[in-house]
C-alpha atoms as a PDB file:
ATOM      1  CA  MET A   1      -6.307  12.492   2.980  1.00  0.00           C
ATOM      2  CA  SER A   2      -3.012  11.260   1.226  1.00  0.00           C
ATOM      3  CA  ASP A   3      -3.721   8.205  -2.306  1.00  0.00           C
ATOM      4  CA  SER A   4      -2.298   5.582   0.160  1.00  0.00           C
ATOM      5  CA  GLN A   5      -4.667   6.417   2.721  1.00  0.00           C
ATOM      6  CA  ASN A   6      -7.523   5.835  -0.004  1.00  0.00           C
ATOM      7  CA  ASP A   7      -5.710   2.795  -0.766  1.00  0.00           C
ATOM      8  CA  TYR A   8      -6.021   1.286   2.042  1.00  0.00           C
ATOM      9  CA  GLU A   9      -9.921   2.648   2.904  1.00  0.00           C
ATOM     10  CA  ASP A  10     -10.664   0.497  -0.486  1.00  0.00           C
ATOM     11  CA  TRP A  11      -8.634  -2.396   0.453  1.00  0.00           C
ATOM     12  CA  ASP A  12     -10.647  -2.448   4.175  1.00  0.00           C
ATOM     13  CA  VAL A  13     -13.736  -2.374   2.521  1.00  0.00           C
ATOM     14  CA  GLU A  14     -13.199  -5.021   0.290  1.00  0.00           C
ATOM     15  CA  ARG A  15     -11.335  -6.879   3.367  1.00  0.00           C
ATOM     16  CA  ALA A  16     -14.127  -6.931   5.022  1.00  0.00           C
ATOM     17  CA  ALA A  17     -16.955  -8.046   2.307  1.00  0.00           C
ATOM     18  CA  ILE A  18     -14.332 -10.750   1.946  1.00  0.00           C
ATOM     19  CA  MET A  19     -14.689 -11.834   5.762  1.00  0.00           C
ATOM     20  CA  GLU A  20     -18.764 -11.242   5.433  1.00  0.00           C
ATOM     21  CA  TYR A  21     -19.342 -13.377   2.315  1.00  0.00           C
ATOM     22  CA  ASP A  22     -16.817 -15.836   2.522  1.00  0.00           C
ATOM     23  CA  GLY A  23     -16.322 -16.049   6.738  1.00  0.00           C
ATOM     24  CA  GLU A  24     -19.880 -15.554   7.722  1.00  0.00           C
ATOM     25  CA  VAL A  25     -18.176 -12.814  10.053  1.00  0.00           C
ATOM     26  CA  PRO A  26     -20.981 -10.170  11.069  1.00  0.00           C
ATOM     27  CA  ARG A  27     -20.740  -7.054   9.257  1.00  0.00           C
ATOM     28  CA  HIS A  28     -20.007  -4.729  12.252  1.00  0.00           C
ATOM     29  CA  GLU A  29     -16.733  -7.478  13.707  1.00  0.00           C
ATOM     30  CA  ALA A  30     -15.532  -7.757   9.736  1.00  0.00           C
ATOM     31  CA  GLU A  31     -15.337  -3.798   9.245  1.00  0.00           C
ATOM     32  CA  ARG A  32     -13.639  -3.745  12.712  1.00  0.00           C
ATOM     33  CA  GLN A  33     -10.877  -5.956  11.902  1.00  0.00           C
ATOM     34  CA  ALA A  34     -10.636  -4.988   8.056  1.00  0.00           C
ATOM     35  CA  ARG A  35     -10.148  -1.360   9.313  1.00  0.00           C
ATOM     36  CA  GLY A  36      -7.101  -2.551  12.055  1.00  0.00           C
ATOM     37  CA  MET A  37      -5.640  -4.572   9.418  1.00  0.00           C
ATOM     38  CA  ALA A  38      -5.020  -1.764   7.075  1.00  0.00           C
ATOM     39  CA  LEU A  39      -3.955   0.627   9.816  1.00  0.00           C
ATOM     40  CA  ILE A  40      -1.216  -2.067  10.984  1.00  0.00           C
ATOM     41  CA  ILE A  41      -0.499  -2.499   6.696  1.00  0.00           C
ATOM     42  CA  ASN A  42      -0.375   1.409   6.401  1.00  0.00           C
ATOM     43  CA  ARG A  43       1.947   1.887   9.508  1.00  0.00           C
ATOM     44  CA  ARG A  44       4.426  -0.586   8.429  1.00  0.00           C
ATOM     45  CA  THR A  45       4.302   0.814   5.156  1.00  0.00           C
ATOM     46  CA  GLU A  46       5.170   4.439   6.503  1.00  0.00           C
ATOM     47  CA  GLU A  47       7.902   2.556   8.685  1.00  0.00           C
ATOM     48  CA  ILE A  48       9.636   1.119   5.556  1.00  0.00           C
ATOM     49  CA  MET A  49       9.223   3.698   3.331  1.00  0.00           C
ATOM     50  CA  ALA A  50      11.143   6.315   5.972  1.00  0.00           C
ATOM     51  CA  ASN A  51      14.228   4.312   6.646  1.00  0.00           C
ATOM     52  CA  MET A  52      14.362   3.335   2.595  1.00  0.00           C
ATOM     53  CA  GLN A  53      17.231   4.156   0.701  1.00  0.00           C
ATOM     54  CA  ILE A  54      18.427   4.007  -3.016  1.00  0.00           C
ATOM     55  CA  THR A  55      22.004   3.830  -4.212  1.00  0.00           C
ATOM     56  CA  ILE A  56      22.496   5.002  -7.931  1.00  0.00           C
ATOM     57  CA  ASP A  57      25.678   3.750  -9.244  1.00  0.00           C
ATOM     58  CA  ARG A  58      25.432   4.851 -12.584  1.00  0.00           C
ATOM     59  CA  ILE A  59      23.325   6.975 -14.903  1.00  0.00           C
ATOM     60  CA  ASP A  60      23.614   6.589 -18.519  1.00  0.00           C
ATOM     61  CA  TYR A  61      22.188   9.589 -19.976  1.00  0.00           C
ATOM     62  CA  ALA A  62      20.252   8.661 -23.587  1.00  0.00           C
ATOM     63  CA  GLY A  63      21.199  11.246 -25.617  1.00  0.00           C
ATOM     64  CA  GLY A  64      17.676  12.478 -25.959  1.00  0.00           C
ATOM     65  CA  ASN A  65      16.769   9.799 -27.846  1.00  0.00           C
ATOM     66  CA  GLY A  66      15.147   7.677 -25.195  1.00  0.00           C
ATOM     67  CA  PRO A  67      14.449   7.794 -21.073  1.00  0.00           C
ATOM     68  CA  ASN A  68      17.796   8.099 -18.863  1.00  0.00           C
ATOM     69  CA  MET A  69      18.664   4.864 -17.274  1.00  0.00           C
ATOM     70  CA  ILE A  70      19.147   4.211 -13.732  1.00  0.00           C
ATOM     71  CA  HIS A  71      21.402   1.516 -12.346  1.00  0.00           C
END
């Protein structure tokens, strides 16, 4: 399981707790809704990342005195 999947599992547990406590949603329903939200967000994030492109205009070499800068 990837780190991002673990992040979404943590997120959906937290979201379910909020819905249960603040929204007075029954626990099983809060967990179901939170899982659905996490799946949608995870899927959309994967789509965005798959289509992401980066253009590097210039790389400044710092001469060993610090990190390289990408512009």
